[in-house]
Amino acid sequence: MSSHRIGAHVSAAGGVEKAIERAVAIGANCVQVFSGSPRVWQRPQLEAFDPTKIAAISQEKDVQPIFTHSLYLVNLASDNPELVAKSVKALCFDLAFDARIGGAGVIVHLGSHQGRGWEAVKEQVAQQVGEIIAKSPHQAHFLIENAAGQKGKIGGDLDEVRWLLDQVASDQLGWCFDTCHASAAGYGLGQKQGQFPAERENAERLTALEEIERLELWSSLRCVHVNDSKDPFGSGRDRHQNLGDGTIPTADLQYFLNHDLINDKPLILEVPGMTEAGPDQENVNRLKKLVAA
């Protein structure tokens, strides 16, 4: 029997308590939220969130853990000092938010090297991640999300995630695996590698499970974003699709999600939903079938 916690990213309009109720309404028992608007730098006041009320409803409704997703504007690899400073400030807020609400971590898109290359920015990114963690409450966690490999986004190659985990070396640092991003970046989710587009026919890459094993990333994996993809394998494009309606073979997704070492990881949906209103009960039900015993 699967022991997964199955959840979704839902709106936190009206407070985290309302997000928990929205999760319950679609059949979820864990949840992901934004601390504020994901498209503006301004953040709410931490005092607006009542940790006692949040803990009480989380326990009453059995919705846990609670993850926070960072702003889309963040770029720790930028060559613009003002953008980096704003990114650091926003992430420090999110980690403080995570600690206040009793959360399980802040899931972060690290940003893009903007064509300069990984080697040119990796020390900067590691330094910023380390400083953010040092400024944050010890119970807060910073979780790197793998990228789709588009436009120089950091983390499209899982070797980059491994390097950052080693370089920062903090028990507050972990990572989140996104199935859509992995497929777009060329990591097959099944037993065999996927077929790259014709222009990349000579590309070689291990499957996702083989690569996680090779890089010894299991112990630092905190959750999985479960999304289908609108684009072909190896496309480098980050566009999520409802489960079973995209290009990731359902058998491959099922194979990946039922791996023994993923069985205890929370699964979070970030799909568009059947009415484009975000994750819904239909997608929750589809995910439950994928991980059913």
C-alpha atoms as a PDB file:
ATOM      1  CA  MET A   1       0.000   0.000   0.000  1.00  0.00           C
ATOM      2  CA  SER A   2       1.301   3.441  -0.943  1.00  0.00           C
ATOM      3  CA  SER A   3       2.148   5.774   1.930  1.00  0.00           C
ATOM      4  CA  HIS A   4       2.234   8.885  -0.244  1.00  0.00           C
ATOM      5  CA  ARG A   5       0.864  12.201   0.872  1.00  0.00           C
ATOM      6  CA  ILE A   6      -0.922  13.532  -2.208  1.00  0.00           C
ATOM      7  CA  GLY A   7      -1.421  17.242  -2.607  1.00  0.00           C
ATOM      8  CA  ALA A   8      -1.571  20.246  -4.868  1.00  0.00           C
ATOM      9  CA  HIS A   9      -0.603  23.859  -5.231  1.00  0.00           C
ATOM     10  CA  VAL A  10      -3.685  25.888  -4.319  1.00  0.00           C
ATOM     11  CA  SER A  11      -4.503  29.519  -3.684  1.00  0.00           C
ATOM     12  CA  ALA A  12      -3.765  30.901  -0.237  1.00  0.00           C
ATOM     13  CA  ALA A  13      -6.092  33.868  -0.726  1.00  0.00           C
ATOM     14  CA  GLY A  14      -7.672  34.507   2.652  1.00  0.00           C
ATOM     15  CA  GLY A  15      -4.849  32.765   4.487  1.00  0.00           C
ATOM     16  CA  VAL A  16      -3.089  29.433   4.751  1.00  0.00           C
ATOM     17  CA  GLU A  17      -6.122  28.079   6.586  1.00  0.00           C
ATOM     18  CA  LYS A  18      -8.191  28.651   3.437  1.00  0.00           C
ATOM     19  CA  ALA A  19      -5.555  26.868   1.347  1.00  0.00           C
ATOM     20  CA  ILE A  20      -5.861  23.842   3.611  1.00  0.00           C
ATOM     21  CA  GLU A  21      -9.635  23.845   3.138  1.00  0.00           C
ATOM     22  CA  ARG A  22      -9.197  24.106  -0.640  1.00  0.00           C
ATOM     23  CA  ALA A  23      -6.848  21.137  -0.575  1.00  0.00           C
ATOM     24  CA  VAL A  24      -9.379  19.051   1.351  1.00  0.00           C
ATOM     25  CA  ALA A  25     -12.099  20.001  -1.155  1.00  0.00           C
ATOM     26  CA  ILE A  26     -10.179  18.336  -4.005  1.00  0.00           C
ATOM     27  CA  GLY A  27      -9.208  15.249  -2.018  1.00  0.00           C
ATOM     28  CA  ALA A  28      -5.644  16.271  -1.139  1.00  0.00           C
ATOM     29  CA  ASN A  29      -3.877  15.712   2.174  1.00  0.00           C
ATOM     30  CA  CYS A  30      -0.826  17.946   1.713  1.00  0.00           C
ATOM     31  CA  VAL A  31      -0.482  21.329   0.087  1.00  0.00           C
ATOM     32  CA  GLN A  32       1.755  23.936  -1.542  1.00  0.00           C
ATOM     33  CA  VAL A  33       1.153  27.700  -1.428  1.00  0.00           C
ATOM     34  CA  PHE A  34       2.716  31.042  -2.267  1.00  0.00           C
ATOM     35  CA  SER A  35       3.456  33.385   0.634  1.00  0.00           C
ATOM     36  CA  GLY A  36       2.088  36.243  -1.513  1.00  0.00           C
ATOM     37  CA  SER A  37       1.754  37.082  -5.196  1.00  0.00           C
ATOM     38  CA  PRO A  38       4.373  35.110  -7.165  1.00  0.00           C
ATOM     39  CA  ARG A  39       4.796  37.926  -9.693  1.00  0.00           C
ATOM     40  CA  VAL A  40       5.571  40.945  -7.482  1.00  0.00           C
ATOM     41  CA  TRP A  41       8.353  41.569  -4.978  1.00  0.00           C
ATOM     42  CA  GLN A  42       6.154  43.000  -2.241  1.00  0.00           C
ATOM     43  CA  ARG A  43       5.440  40.501   0.553  1.00  0.00           C
ATOM     44  CA  PRO A  44       2.737  40.535   3.243  1.00  0.00           C
ATOM     45  CA  GLN A  45       3.479  40.974   6.942  1.00  0.00           C
ATOM     46  CA  LEU A  46       4.517  37.756   8.688  1.00  0.00           C
ATOM     47  CA  GLU A  47       2.312  38.728  11.620  1.00  0.00           C
ATOM     48  CA  ALA A  48      -0.714  38.283   9.346  1.00  0.00           C
ATOM     49  CA  PHE A  49      -0.254  34.515   9.603  1.00  0.00           C
ATOM     50  CA  ASP A  50      -1.399  32.855  12.834  1.00  0.00           C
ATOM     51  CA  PRO A  51       0.743  29.753  13.420  1.00  0.00           C
ATOM     52  CA  THR A  52      -1.580  28.404  16.110  1.00  0.00           C
ATOM     53  CA  LYS A  53      -4.634  28.515  13.841  1.00  0.00           C
ATOM     54  CA  ILE A  54      -2.696  27.055  10.922  1.00  0.00           C
ATOM     55  CA  ALA A  55      -1.376  24.181  13.030  1.00  0.00           C
ATOM     56  CA  ALA A  56      -4.829  23.464  14.438  1.00  0.00           C
ATOM     57  CA  ILE A  57      -6.599  23.244  11.078  1.00  0.00           C
ATOM     58  CA  SER A  58      -3.690  21.323   9.526  1.00  0.00           C
ATOM     59  CA  GLN A  59      -4.038  18.698  12.263  1.00  0.00           C
ATOM     60  CA  GLU A  60      -7.840  18.709  12.224  1.00  0.00           C
ATOM     61  CA  LYS A  61      -8.043  18.249   8.451  1.00  0.00           C
ATOM     62  CA  ASP A  62      -4.947  16.004   8.265  1.00  0.00           C
ATOM     63  CA  VAL A  63      -3.337  18.206   5.630  1.00  0.00           C
ATOM     64  CA  GLN A  64       0.418  18.090   5.991  1.00  0.00           C
ATOM     65  CA  PRO A  65       3.136  18.811   5.129  1.00  0.00           C
ATOM     66  CA  ILE A  66       2.764  22.371   3.858  1.00  0.00           C
ATOM     67  CA  PHE A  67       5.266  23.567   1.252  1.00  0.00           C
ATOM     68  CA  THR A  68       5.857  27.114   0.023  1.00  0.00           C
ATOM     69  CA  HIS A  69       6.834  27.945  -3.557  1.00  0.00           C
ATOM     70  CA  SER A  70       9.119  30.924  -4.115  1.00  0.00           C
ATOM     71  CA  LEU A  71       8.466  33.879  -6.426  1.00  0.00           C
ATOM     72  CA  TYR A  72       8.884  33.434 -10.165  1.00  0.00           C
ATOM     73  CA  LEU A  73      11.014  36.614 -10.213  1.00  0.00           C
ATOM     74  CA  VAL A  74      13.918  35.120  -8.242  1.00  0.00           C
ATOM     75  CA  ASN A  75      17.309  34.856  -9.971  1.00  0.00           C
ATOM     76  CA  LEU A  76      20.311  34.097  -7.782  1.00  0.00           C
ATOM     77  CA  ALA A  77      22.502  33.684 -10.889  1.00  0.00           C
ATOM     78  CA  SER A  78      21.862  37.167 -12.297  1.00  0.00           C
ATOM     79  CA  ASP A  79      24.692  39.596 -13.099  1.00  0.00           C
ATOM     80  CA  ASN A  80      22.416  42.411 -11.883  1.00  0.00           C
ATOM     81  CA  PRO A  81      23.239  43.076  -8.191  1.00  0.00           C
ATOM     82  CA  GLU A  82      19.866  44.732  -7.586  1.00  0.00           C
ATOM     83  CA  LEU A  83      17.992  41.666  -8.860  1.00  0.00           C
ATOM     84  CA  VAL A  84      20.127  39.349  -6.735  1.00  0.00           C
ATOM     85  CA  ALA A  85      19.501  41.514  -3.653  1.00  0.00           C
ATOM     86  CA  LYS A  86      15.734  41.495  -4.251  1.00  0.00           C
ATOM     87  CA  SER A  87      15.859  37.721  -4.743  1.00  0.00           C
ATOM     88  CA  VAL A  88      17.730  37.205  -1.484  1.00  0.00           C
ATOM     89  CA  LYS A  89      15.300  39.416   0.425  1.00  0.00           C
ATOM     90  CA  ALA A  90      12.284  37.590  -1.008  1.00  0.00           C
ATOM     91  CA  LEU A  91      13.721  34.169  -0.231  1.00  0.00           C
ATOM     92  CA  CYS A  92      14.640  35.195   3.314  1.00  0.00           C
ATOM     93  CA  PHE A  93      11.014  36.213   3.782  1.00  0.00           C
ATOM     94  CA  ASP A  94       9.767  32.907   2.401  1.00  0.00           C
ATOM     95  CA  LEU A  95      12.009  30.894   4.711  1.00  0.00           C
ATOM     96  CA  ALA A  96      10.782  32.952   7.676  1.00  0.00           C
ATOM     97  CA  PHE A  97       7.227  32.314   6.440  1.00  0.00           C
ATOM     98  CA  ASP A  98       7.962  28.600   6.162  1.00  0.00           C
ATOM     99  CA  ALA A  99       9.173  28.514   9.759  1.00  0.00           C
ATOM    100  CA  ARG A 100       6.201  30.533  11.035  1.00  0.00           C
ATOM    101  CA  ILE A 101       3.558  28.294   9.461  1.00  0.00           C
ATOM    102  CA  GLY A 102       5.334  25.063  10.457  1.00  0.00           C
ATOM    103  CA  GLY A 103       6.098  24.298   6.833  1.00  0.00           C
ATOM    104  CA  ALA A 104       8.263  21.619   5.252  1.00  0.00           C
ATOM    105  CA  GLY A 105      10.326  23.863   3.002  1.00  0.00           C
ATOM    106  CA  VAL A 106      10.476  26.578   0.374  1.00  0.00           C
ATOM    107  CA  ILE A 107      10.763  25.237  -3.176  1.00  0.00           C
ATOM    108  CA  VAL A 108      12.956  27.508  -5.269  1.00  0.00           C
ATOM    109  CA  HIS A 109      13.649  28.078  -8.954  1.00  0.00           C
ATOM    110  CA  LEU A 110      17.222  29.343  -8.673  1.00  0.00           C
ATOM    111  CA  GLY A 111      17.130  31.408 -11.867  1.00  0.00           C
ATOM    112  CA  SER A 112      19.128  31.590 -15.089  1.00  0.00           C
ATOM    113  CA  HIS A 113      22.775  32.140 -15.948  1.00  0.00           C
ATOM    114  CA  GLN A 114      21.473  34.076 -18.974  1.00  0.00           C
ATOM    115  CA  GLY A 115      23.889  32.450 -21.381  1.00  0.00           C
ATOM    116  CA  ARG A 116      27.015  32.902 -19.255  1.00  0.00           C
ATOM    117  CA  GLY A 117      27.165  29.183 -18.408  1.00  0.00           C
ATOM    118  CA  TRP A 118      26.989  27.173 -15.195  1.00  0.00           C
ATOM    119  CA  GLU A 119      30.694  27.447 -14.449  1.00  0.00           C
ATOM    120  CA  ALA A 120      30.500  31.239 -14.517  1.00  0.00           C
ATOM    121  CA  VAL A 121      27.716  31.473 -11.919  1.00  0.00           C
ATOM    122  CA  LYS A 122      27.895  28.405  -9.685  1.00  0.00           C
ATOM    123  CA  GLU A 123      30.033  29.988  -6.945  1.00  0.00           C
ATOM    124  CA  GLN A 124      27.725  33.013  -6.820  1.00  0.00           C
ATOM    125  CA  VAL A 125      24.626  30.838  -6.528  1.00  0.00           C
ATOM    126  CA  ALA A 126      26.152  28.682  -3.797  1.00  0.00           C
ATOM    127  CA  GLN A 127      27.233  31.774  -1.839  1.00  0.00           C
ATOM    128  CA  GLN A 128      23.752  33.297  -2.016  1.00  0.00           C
ATOM    129  CA  VAL A 129      22.012  30.066  -1.009  1.00  0.00           C
ATOM    130  CA  GLY A 130      24.373  29.675   1.945  1.00  0.00           C
ATOM    131  CA  GLU A 131      23.828  33.257   3.088  1.00  0.00           C
ATOM    132  CA  ILE A 132      20.037  32.953   2.827  1.00  0.00           C
ATOM    133  CA  ILE A 133      20.071  29.817   4.967  1.00  0.00           C
ATOM    134  CA  ALA A 134      22.411  31.456   7.487  1.00  0.00           C
ATOM    135  CA  LYS A 135      19.947  34.350   7.893  1.00  0.00           C
ATOM    136  CA  SER A 136      16.926  32.067   8.290  1.00  0.00           C
ATOM    137  CA  PRO A 137      15.362  30.210  11.231  1.00  0.00           C
ATOM    138  CA  HIS A 138      16.924  26.788  11.735  1.00  0.00           C
ATOM    139  CA  GLN A 139      13.595  25.017  11.231  1.00  0.00           C
ATOM    140  CA  ALA A 140      13.208  26.505   7.733  1.00  0.00           C
ATOM    141  CA  HIS A 141      14.320  24.552   4.670  1.00  0.00           C
ATOM    142  CA  PHE A 142      15.496  25.695   1.235  1.00  0.00           C
ATOM    143  CA  LEU A 143      14.582  23.189  -1.495  1.00  0.00           C
ATOM    144  CA  ILE A 144      16.166  23.474  -4.949  1.00  0.00           C
ATOM    145  CA  GLU A 145      13.819  22.538  -7.790  1.00  0.00           C
ATOM    146  CA  ASN A 146      15.232  20.875 -10.903  1.00  0.00           C
ATOM    147  CA  ALA A 147      14.656  22.912 -14.062  1.00  0.00           C
ATOM    148  CA  ALA A 148      13.520  22.057 -17.592  1.00  0.00           C
ATOM    149  CA  GLY A 149      16.814  23.247 -19.036  1.00  0.00           C
ATOM    150  CA  GLN A 150      15.306  26.254 -20.808  1.00  0.00           C
ATOM    151  CA  LYS A 151      17.163  29.546 -21.300  1.00  0.00           C
ATOM    152  CA  GLY A 152      20.060  28.712 -19.026  1.00  0.00           C
ATOM    153  CA  LYS A 153      17.935  27.846 -16.004  1.00  0.00           C
ATOM    154  CA  ILE A 154      20.008  26.450 -13.135  1.00  0.00           C
ATOM    155  CA  GLY A 155      19.233  22.855 -12.156  1.00  0.00           C
ATOM    156  CA  GLY A 156      18.302  21.446 -15.542  1.00  0.00           C
ATOM    157  CA  ASP A 157      21.255  19.120 -15.052  1.00  0.00           C
ATOM    158  CA  LEU A 158      20.999  17.157 -11.796  1.00  0.00           C
ATOM    159  CA  ASP A 159      24.786  17.350 -11.447  1.00  0.00           C
ATOM    160  CA  GLU A 160      24.259  21.044 -10.665  1.00  0.00           C
ATOM    161  CA  VAL A 161      21.852  20.186  -7.859  1.00  0.00           C
ATOM    162  CA  ARG A 162      24.374  17.703  -6.434  1.00  0.00           C
ATOM    163  CA  TRP A 163      27.187  20.274  -6.591  1.00  0.00           C
ATOM    164  CA  LEU A 164      25.147  22.906  -4.741  1.00  0.00           C
ATOM    165  CA  LEU A 165      24.106  20.461  -2.030  1.00  0.00           C
ATOM    166  CA  ASP A 166      27.763  19.565  -1.472  1.00  0.00           C
ATOM    167  CA  GLN A 167      29.044  23.136  -1.658  1.00  0.00           C
ATOM    168  CA  VAL A 168      26.527  24.627   0.785  1.00  0.00           C
ATOM    169  CA  ALA A 169      26.524  21.519   3.006  1.00  0.00           C
ATOM    170  CA  SER A 170      23.593  22.455   5.239  1.00  0.00           C
ATOM    171  CA  ASP A 171      20.961  20.207   6.788  1.00  0.00           C
ATOM    172  CA  GLN A 172      18.491  22.953   5.858  1.00  0.00           C
ATOM    173  CA  LEU A 173      19.138  22.420   2.142  1.00  0.00           C
ATOM    174  CA  GLY A 174      17.384  19.781   0.053  1.00  0.00           C
ATOM    175  CA  TRP A 175      15.697  19.492  -3.315  1.00  0.00           C
ATOM    176  CA  CYS A 176      12.412  18.893  -5.122  1.00  0.00           C
ATOM    177  CA  PHE A 177      12.036  16.773  -8.278  1.00  0.00           C
ATOM    178  CA  ASP A 178       9.586  17.930 -10.961  1.00  0.00           C
ATOM    179  CA  THR A 179       8.493  15.271 -13.472  1.00  0.00           C
ATOM    180  CA  CYS A 180       7.629  17.724 -16.272  1.00  0.00           C
ATOM    181  CA  HIS A 181      10.952  19.539 -15.877  1.00  0.00           C
ATOM    182  CA  ALA A 182      12.880  16.266 -15.831  1.00  0.00           C
ATOM    183  CA  SER A 183      11.254  15.028 -19.029  1.00  0.00           C
ATOM    184  CA  ALA A 184      11.868  18.366 -20.731  1.00  0.00           C
ATOM    185  CA  ALA A 185      15.507  18.246 -19.634  1.00  0.00           C
ATOM    186  CA  GLY A 186      15.952  14.749 -21.078  1.00  0.00           C
ATOM    187  CA  TYR A 187      15.594  12.472 -18.055  1.00  0.00           C
ATOM    188  CA  GLY A 188      13.335   9.535 -18.884  1.00  0.00           C
ATOM    189  CA  LEU A 189      10.977   8.543 -16.078  1.00  0.00           C
ATOM    190  CA  GLY A 190      10.635   4.892 -17.065  1.00  0.00           C
ATOM    191  CA  GLN A 191      13.037   1.970 -17.226  1.00  0.00           C
ATOM    192  CA  LYS A 192      14.537   3.162 -20.501  1.00  0.00           C
ATOM    193  CA  GLN A 193      15.736   6.511 -21.770  1.00  0.00           C
ATOM    194  CA  GLY A 194      13.286   8.547 -23.803  1.00  0.00           C
ATOM    195  CA  GLN A 195      13.760   9.459 -27.466  1.00  0.00           C
ATOM    196  CA  PHE A 196      15.420  12.832 -27.950  1.00  0.00           C
ATOM    197  CA  PRO A 197      14.276  15.155 -30.767  1.00  0.00           C
ATOM    198  CA  ALA A 198      16.033  14.633 -34.099  1.00  0.00           C
ATOM    199  CA  GLU A 199      18.341  17.596 -33.590  1.00  0.00           C
ATOM    200  CA  ARG A 200      19.590  15.962 -30.378  1.00  0.00           C
ATOM    201  CA  GLU A 201      19.718  12.387 -31.645  1.00  0.00           C
ATOM    202  CA  ASN A 202      23.226  11.835 -30.274  1.00  0.00           C
ATOM    203  CA  ALA A 203      22.366  13.043 -26.791  1.00  0.00           C
ATOM    204  CA  GLU A 204      22.924  10.523 -24.031  1.00  0.00           C
ATOM    205  CA  ARG A 205      21.568  10.763 -20.512  1.00  0.00           C
ATOM    206  CA  LEU A 206      20.691   8.265 -17.804  1.00  0.00           C
ATOM    207  CA  THR A 207      17.088   7.803 -16.753  1.00  0.00           C
ATOM    208  CA  ALA A 208      15.887   9.933 -13.849  1.00  0.00           C
ATOM    209  CA  LEU A 209      16.056   7.059 -11.375  1.00  0.00           C
ATOM    210  CA  GLU A 210      19.532   6.036 -12.539  1.00  0.00           C
ATOM    211  CA  GLU A 211      20.791   9.598 -12.244  1.00  0.00           C
ATOM    212  CA  ILE A 212      19.329  10.158  -8.780  1.00  0.00           C
ATOM    213  CA  GLU A 213      21.009   6.930  -7.696  1.00  0.00           C
ATOM    214  CA  ARG A 214      24.348   7.812  -9.321  1.00  0.00           C
ATOM    215  CA  LEU A 215      24.424  11.240  -7.709  1.00  0.00           C
ATOM    216  CA  GLU A 216      23.273   9.907  -4.317  1.00  0.00           C
ATOM    217  CA  LEU A 217      20.384  12.360  -4.210  1.00  0.00           C
ATOM    218  CA  TRP A 218      17.816  10.195  -2.431  1.00  0.00           C
ATOM    219  CA  SER A 219      18.533  11.341   1.108  1.00  0.00           C
ATOM    220  CA  SER A 220      18.080  15.027   0.259  1.00  0.00           C
ATOM    221  CA  LEU A 221      14.913  14.611  -1.849  1.00  0.00           C
ATOM    222  CA  ARG A 222      12.019  16.177   0.059  1.00  0.00           C
ATOM    223  CA  CYS A 223       9.083  16.091  -2.365  1.00  0.00           C
ATOM    224  CA  VAL A 224       8.031  15.480  -5.969  1.00  0.00           C
ATOM    225  CA  HIS A 225       6.086  17.812  -8.241  1.00  0.00           C
ATOM    226  CA  VAL A 226       3.926  15.533 -10.378  1.00  0.00           C
ATOM    227  CA  ASN A 227       3.087  17.148 -13.694  1.00  0.00           C
ATOM    228  CA  ASP A 228       2.595  15.882 -17.226  1.00  0.00           C
ATOM    229  CA  SER A 229       4.176  17.893 -20.062  1.00  0.00           C
ATOM    230  CA  LYS A 230       2.702  19.692 -23.064  1.00  0.00           C
ATOM    231  CA  ASP A 231       6.003  19.401 -24.935  1.00  0.00           C
ATOM    232  CA  PRO A 232       8.103  16.512 -26.273  1.00  0.00           C
ATOM    233  CA  PHE A 233      10.784  14.705 -24.308  1.00  0.00           C
ATOM    234  CA  GLY A 234      14.024  16.688 -24.259  1.00  0.00           C
ATOM    235  CA  SER A 235      12.312  19.868 -25.489  1.00  0.00           C
ATOM    236  CA  GLY A 236      13.738  22.129 -22.791  1.00  0.00           C
ATOM    237  CA  ARG A 237      10.304  23.722 -22.434  1.00  0.00           C
ATOM    238  CA  ASP A 238       8.494  24.116 -19.106  1.00  0.00           C
ATOM    239  CA  ARG A 239       4.774  23.755 -19.778  1.00  0.00           C
ATOM    240  CA  HIS A 240       2.726  21.587 -17.436  1.00  0.00           C
ATOM    241  CA  GLN A 241      -0.190  19.428 -18.536  1.00  0.00           C
ATOM    242  CA  ASN A 242      -2.875  17.466 -16.702  1.00  0.00           C
ATOM    243  CA  LEU A 243      -1.911  13.905 -15.814  1.00  0.00           C
ATOM    244  CA  GLY A 244      -2.469  11.514 -18.694  1.00  0.00           C
ATOM    245  CA  ASP A 245      -3.118  14.301 -21.204  1.00  0.00           C
ATOM    246  CA  GLY A 246       0.502  15.142 -22.026  1.00  0.00           C
ATOM    247  CA  THR A 247       3.574  13.626 -23.623  1.00  0.00           C
ATOM    248  CA  ILE A 248       4.966  11.685 -20.656  1.00  0.00           C
ATOM    249  CA  PRO A 249       3.966   8.020 -21.067  1.00  0.00           C
ATOM    250  CA  THR A 250       1.611   7.114 -18.236  1.00  0.00           C
ATOM    251  CA  ALA A 251       3.473   3.822 -17.708  1.00  0.00           C
ATOM    252  CA  ASP A 252       6.738   5.749 -17.251  1.00  0.00           C
ATOM    253  CA  LEU A 253       5.210   8.156 -14.743  1.00  0.00           C
ATOM    254  CA  GLN A 254       3.699   5.238 -12.833  1.00  0.00           C
ATOM    255  CA  TYR A 255       7.039   3.396 -12.831  1.00  0.00           C
ATOM    256  CA  PHE A 256       8.828   6.420 -11.423  1.00  0.00           C
ATOM    257  CA  LEU A 257       6.264   7.261  -8.744  1.00  0.00           C
ATOM    258  CA  ASN A 258       6.117   3.697  -7.447  1.00  0.00           C
ATOM    259  CA  HIS A 259       9.856   3.389  -6.863  1.00  0.00           C
ATOM    260  CA  ASP A 260      10.484   2.253  -3.268  1.00  0.00           C
ATOM    261  CA  LEU A 261      12.526   5.349  -2.376  1.00  0.00           C
ATOM    262  CA  ILE A 262       9.803   7.722  -3.570  1.00  0.00           C
ATOM    263  CA  ASN A 263       7.033   5.951  -1.698  1.00  0.00           C
ATOM    264  CA  ASP A 264       7.328   8.221   1.365  1.00  0.00           C
ATOM    265  CA  LYS A 265       7.785  11.499  -0.532  1.00  0.00           C
ATOM    266  CA  PRO A 266       4.899  14.001  -0.684  1.00  0.00           C
ATOM    267  CA  LEU A 267       3.524  14.361  -4.214  1.00  0.00           C
ATOM    268  CA  ILE A 268       2.392  17.837  -5.270  1.00  0.00           C
ATOM    269  CA  LEU A 269       0.344  18.607  -8.386  1.00  0.00           C
ATOM    270  CA  GLU A 270       0.942  21.843 -10.303  1.00  0.00           C
ATOM    271  CA  VAL A 271      -1.228  21.022 -13.317  1.00  0.00           C
ATOM    272  CA  PRO A 272      -3.554  23.443 -15.146  1.00  0.00           C
ATOM    273  CA  GLY A 273      -6.699  21.524 -14.178  1.00  0.00           C
ATOM    274  CA  MET A 274      -9.632  20.576 -16.357  1.00  0.00           C
ATOM    275  CA  THR A 275     -10.992  24.137 -16.354  1.00  0.00           C
ATOM    276  CA  GLU A 276      -7.592  25.890 -16.288  1.00  0.00           C
ATOM    277  CA  ALA A 277      -8.231  26.865 -12.660  1.00  0.00           C
ATOM    278  CA  GLY A 278      -5.350  24.837 -11.270  1.00  0.00           C
ATOM    279  CA  PRO A 279      -5.114  21.382  -9.710  1.00  0.00           C
ATOM    280  CA  ASP A 280      -8.518  19.774  -9.206  1.00  0.00           C
ATOM    281  CA  GLN A 281     -10.144  16.618  -7.898  1.00  0.00           C
ATOM    282  CA  GLU A 282      -9.880  14.860 -11.257  1.00  0.00           C
ATOM    283  CA  ASN A 283      -6.084  15.207 -11.269  1.00  0.00           C
ATOM    284  CA  VAL A 284      -5.870  14.183  -7.613  1.00  0.00           C
ATOM    285  CA  ASN A 285      -7.872  11.064  -8.448  1.00  0.00           C
ATOM    286  CA  ARG A 286      -5.630  10.305 -11.442  1.00  0.00           C
ATOM    287  CA  LEU A 287      -2.554  10.625  -9.244  1.00  0.00           C
ATOM    288  CA  LYS A 288      -4.032   8.347  -6.589  1.00  0.00           C
ATOM    289  CA  LYS A 289      -4.617   5.687  -9.251  1.00  0.00           C
ATOM    290  CA  LEU A 290      -1.010   5.970 -10.418  1.00  0.00           C
ATOM    291  CA  VAL A 291       0.338   5.192  -6.951  1.00  0.00           C
ATOM    292  CA  ALA A 292      -2.357   2.739  -5.845  1.00  0.00           C
ATOM    293  CA  ALA A 293      -1.116  -0.627  -4.611  1.00  0.00           C
END
